[in-house]
Amino acid sequence: MGIQDRAEATAKNVEGKMQDAAGRATGSTSDQMKGKAKQGEAKAKHAKEDVKDQAKKAID
């Protein structure tokens, strides 16, 4: 499930970057904040996957 989780996190990051950019282009601070929040969620998911990978390596 790790690859799927990473792909979803990457998609969420891209979505967040697009929303942030659109917010900057239109002057919508709400969209900018929502976009940055999505990017933060994606970063947290990637960090979780990194921890899971390290745990697997430690067990092996």
N, C-alpha and C. Protein backbone atom coordinates (compact mmCIF):
# COMPACT_ATOMS: atom_id res chain seq x y z
N MET A 1 0.82 -1.19 0.00
CA MET A 1 0.00 0.00 0.00
C MET A 1 0.86 1.26 0.00
N GLY A 2 2.15 1.14 0.25
CA GLY A 2 3.02 2.30 0.34
C GLY A 2 3.09 3.11 -0.95
N ILE A 3 3.18 2.44 -2.07
CA ILE A 3 3.27 3.15 -3.35
C ILE A 3 1.99 3.92 -3.63
N GLN A 4 0.86 3.30 -3.34
CA GLN A 4 -0.42 3.98 -3.56
C GLN A 4 -0.54 5.20 -2.65
N ASP A 5 -0.12 5.05 -1.39
CA ASP A 5 -0.18 6.18 -0.45
C ASP A 5 0.72 7.32 -0.91
N ARG A 6 1.89 6.98 -1.41
CA ARG A 6 2.81 8.01 -1.90
C ARG A 6 2.23 8.71 -3.13
N ALA A 7 1.61 7.95 -4.02
CA ALA A 7 1.00 8.53 -5.22
C ALA A 7 -0.13 9.49 -4.84
N GLU A 8 -0.94 9.08 -3.86
CA GLU A 8 -2.02 9.95 -3.41
C GLU A 8 -1.47 11.22 -2.77
N ALA A 9 -0.40 11.09 -2.01
CA ALA A 9 0.21 12.25 -1.38
C ALA A 9 0.80 13.20 -2.43
N THR A 10 1.40 12.63 -3.45
CA THR A 10 1.96 13.45 -4.52
C THR A 10 0.85 14.18 -5.27
N ALA A 11 -0.24 13.49 -5.52
CA ALA A 11 -1.38 14.12 -6.20
C ALA A 11 -1.94 15.25 -5.34
N LYS A 12 -2.03 15.03 -4.03
CA LYS A 12 -2.54 16.06 -3.12
C LYS A 12 -1.59 17.27 -3.11
N ASN A 13 -0.30 17.01 -3.19
CA ASN A 13 0.68 18.09 -3.21
C ASN A 13 0.52 18.94 -4.48
N VAL A 14 0.38 18.27 -5.61
CA VAL A 14 0.20 18.97 -6.88
C VAL A 14 -1.09 19.79 -6.85
N GLU A 15 -2.15 19.18 -6.34
CA GLU A 15 -3.43 19.87 -6.23
C GLU A 15 -3.29 21.12 -5.35
N GLY A 16 -2.56 20.97 -4.26
CA GLY A 16 -2.35 22.11 -3.36
C GLY A 16 -1.54 23.21 -4.01
N LYS A 17 -0.51 22.84 -4.77
CA LYS A 17 0.31 23.85 -5.46
C LYS A 17 -0.52 24.60 -6.49
N MET A 18 -1.39 23.86 -7.20
CA MET A 18 -2.23 24.51 -8.20
C MET A 18 -3.21 25.47 -7.54
N GLN A 19 -3.80 25.05 -6.42
CA GLN A 19 -4.77 25.90 -5.73
C GLN A 19 -4.07 27.13 -5.15
N ASP A 20 -2.88 26.95 -4.62
CA ASP A 20 -2.11 28.07 -4.09
C ASP A 20 -1.78 29.06 -5.20
N ALA A 21 -1.34 28.55 -6.35
CA ALA A 21 -1.00 29.41 -7.48
C ALA A 21 -2.23 30.15 -8.00
N ALA A 22 -3.35 29.45 -8.06
CA ALA A 22 -4.58 30.09 -8.52
C ALA A 22 -5.00 31.18 -7.54
N GLY A 23 -4.83 30.91 -6.25
CA GLY A 23 -5.15 31.91 -5.24
C GLY A 23 -4.28 33.14 -5.35
N ARG A 24 -3.00 32.92 -5.63
CA ARG A 24 -2.10 34.08 -5.83
C ARG A 24 -2.48 34.86 -7.06
N ALA A 25 -2.86 34.16 -8.12
CA ALA A 25 -3.21 34.82 -9.38
C ALA A 25 -4.48 35.65 -9.24
N THR A 26 -5.43 35.14 -8.44
CA THR A 26 -6.70 35.84 -8.30
C THR A 26 -6.76 36.73 -7.06
N GLY A 27 -5.73 36.64 -6.22
CA GLY A 27 -5.71 37.43 -5.00
C GLY A 27 -6.56 36.83 -3.89
N SER A 28 -6.89 35.55 -4.00
CA SER A 28 -7.72 34.87 -3.01
C SER A 28 -6.84 34.24 -1.93
N THR A 29 -6.77 34.90 -0.78
CA THR A 29 -5.96 34.34 0.30
C THR A 29 -6.56 33.04 0.82
N SER A 30 -7.87 32.88 0.71
CA SER A 30 -8.52 31.64 1.13
C SER A 30 -8.00 30.46 0.31
N ASP A 31 -7.95 30.63 -1.01
CA ASP A 31 -7.43 29.55 -1.86
C ASP A 31 -5.95 29.30 -1.60
N GLN A 32 -5.21 30.35 -1.34
CA GLN A 32 -3.79 30.19 -1.03
C GLN A 32 -3.63 29.34 0.23
N MET A 33 -4.39 29.64 1.26
CA MET A 33 -4.28 28.91 2.52
C MET A 33 -4.74 27.46 2.36
N LYS A 34 -5.81 27.25 1.60
CA LYS A 34 -6.28 25.88 1.36
C LYS A 34 -5.23 25.09 0.59
N GLY A 35 -4.61 25.74 -0.39
CA GLY A 35 -3.56 25.08 -1.16
C GLY A 35 -2.36 24.72 -0.30
N LYS A 36 -1.97 25.62 0.56
CA LYS A 36 -0.84 25.34 1.45
C LYS A 36 -1.19 24.24 2.46
N ALA A 37 -2.44 24.20 2.89
CA ALA A 37 -2.87 23.14 3.81
C ALA A 37 -2.79 21.78 3.12
N LYS A 38 -3.20 21.71 1.87
CA LYS A 38 -3.11 20.45 1.13
C LYS A 38 -1.66 20.02 0.96
N GLN A 39 -0.79 20.99 0.72
CA GLN A 39 0.63 20.67 0.61
C GLN A 39 1.17 20.13 1.93
N GLY A 40 0.71 20.70 3.03
CA GLY A 40 1.13 20.22 4.34
C GLY A 40 0.66 18.81 4.61
N GLU A 41 -0.58 18.51 4.21
CA GLU A 41 -1.10 17.15 4.36
C GLU A 41 -0.24 16.17 3.58
N ALA A 42 0.11 16.56 2.36
CA ALA A 42 0.92 15.69 1.51
C ALA A 42 2.29 15.45 2.14
N LYS A 43 2.87 16.50 2.68
CA LYS A 43 4.19 16.37 3.31
C LYS A 43 4.12 15.42 4.50
N ALA A 44 3.04 15.51 5.28
CA ALA A 44 2.86 14.62 6.43
C ALA A 44 2.70 13.17 5.98
N LYS A 45 1.96 12.95 4.89
CA LYS A 45 1.78 11.58 4.38
C LYS A 45 3.12 11.01 3.91
N HIS A 46 3.91 11.84 3.23
CA HIS A 46 5.23 11.37 2.79
C HIS A 46 6.11 11.04 3.99
N ALA A 47 6.05 11.85 5.02
CA ALA A 47 6.85 11.59 6.22
C ALA A 47 6.42 10.28 6.88
N LYS A 48 5.11 10.03 6.92
CA LYS A 48 4.60 8.78 7.49
C LYS A 48 5.13 7.58 6.69
N GLU A 49 5.12 7.71 5.39
CA GLU A 49 5.62 6.62 4.55
C GLU A 49 7.12 6.42 4.75
N ASP A 50 7.85 7.50 4.94
CA ASP A 50 9.29 7.39 5.20
C ASP A 50 9.54 6.62 6.50
N VAL A 51 8.75 6.92 7.53
CA VAL A 51 8.89 6.22 8.81
C VAL A 51 8.57 4.74 8.63
N LYS A 52 7.52 4.44 7.89
CA LYS A 52 7.17 3.04 7.65
C LYS A 52 8.29 2.32 6.91
N ASP A 53 8.89 2.99 5.91
CA ASP A 53 9.99 2.39 5.16
C ASP A 53 11.19 2.12 6.07
N GLN A 54 11.51 3.06 6.94
CA GLN A 54 12.64 2.88 7.86
C GLN A 54 12.37 1.72 8.81
N ALA A 55 11.13 1.60 9.28
CA ALA A 55 10.78 0.49 10.18
C ALA A 55 10.94 -0.85 9.46
N LYS A 56 10.50 -0.90 8.22
CA LYS A 56 10.65 -2.15 7.46
C LYS A 56 12.11 -2.52 7.28
N LYS A 57 12.94 -1.51 6.98
CA LYS A 57 14.37 -1.76 6.80
C LYS A 57 15.01 -2.23 8.11
N ALA A 58 14.59 -1.67 9.23
CA ALA A 58 15.15 -2.05 10.52
C ALA A 58 14.78 -3.51 10.86
N ILE A 59 13.58 -3.92 10.47
CA ILE A 59 13.14 -5.29 10.75
C ILE A 59 13.90 -6.29 9.88
N ASP A 60 14.15 -5.91 8.64
CA ASP A 60 14.86 -6.82 7.71
C ASP A 60 16.31 -6.86 8.03
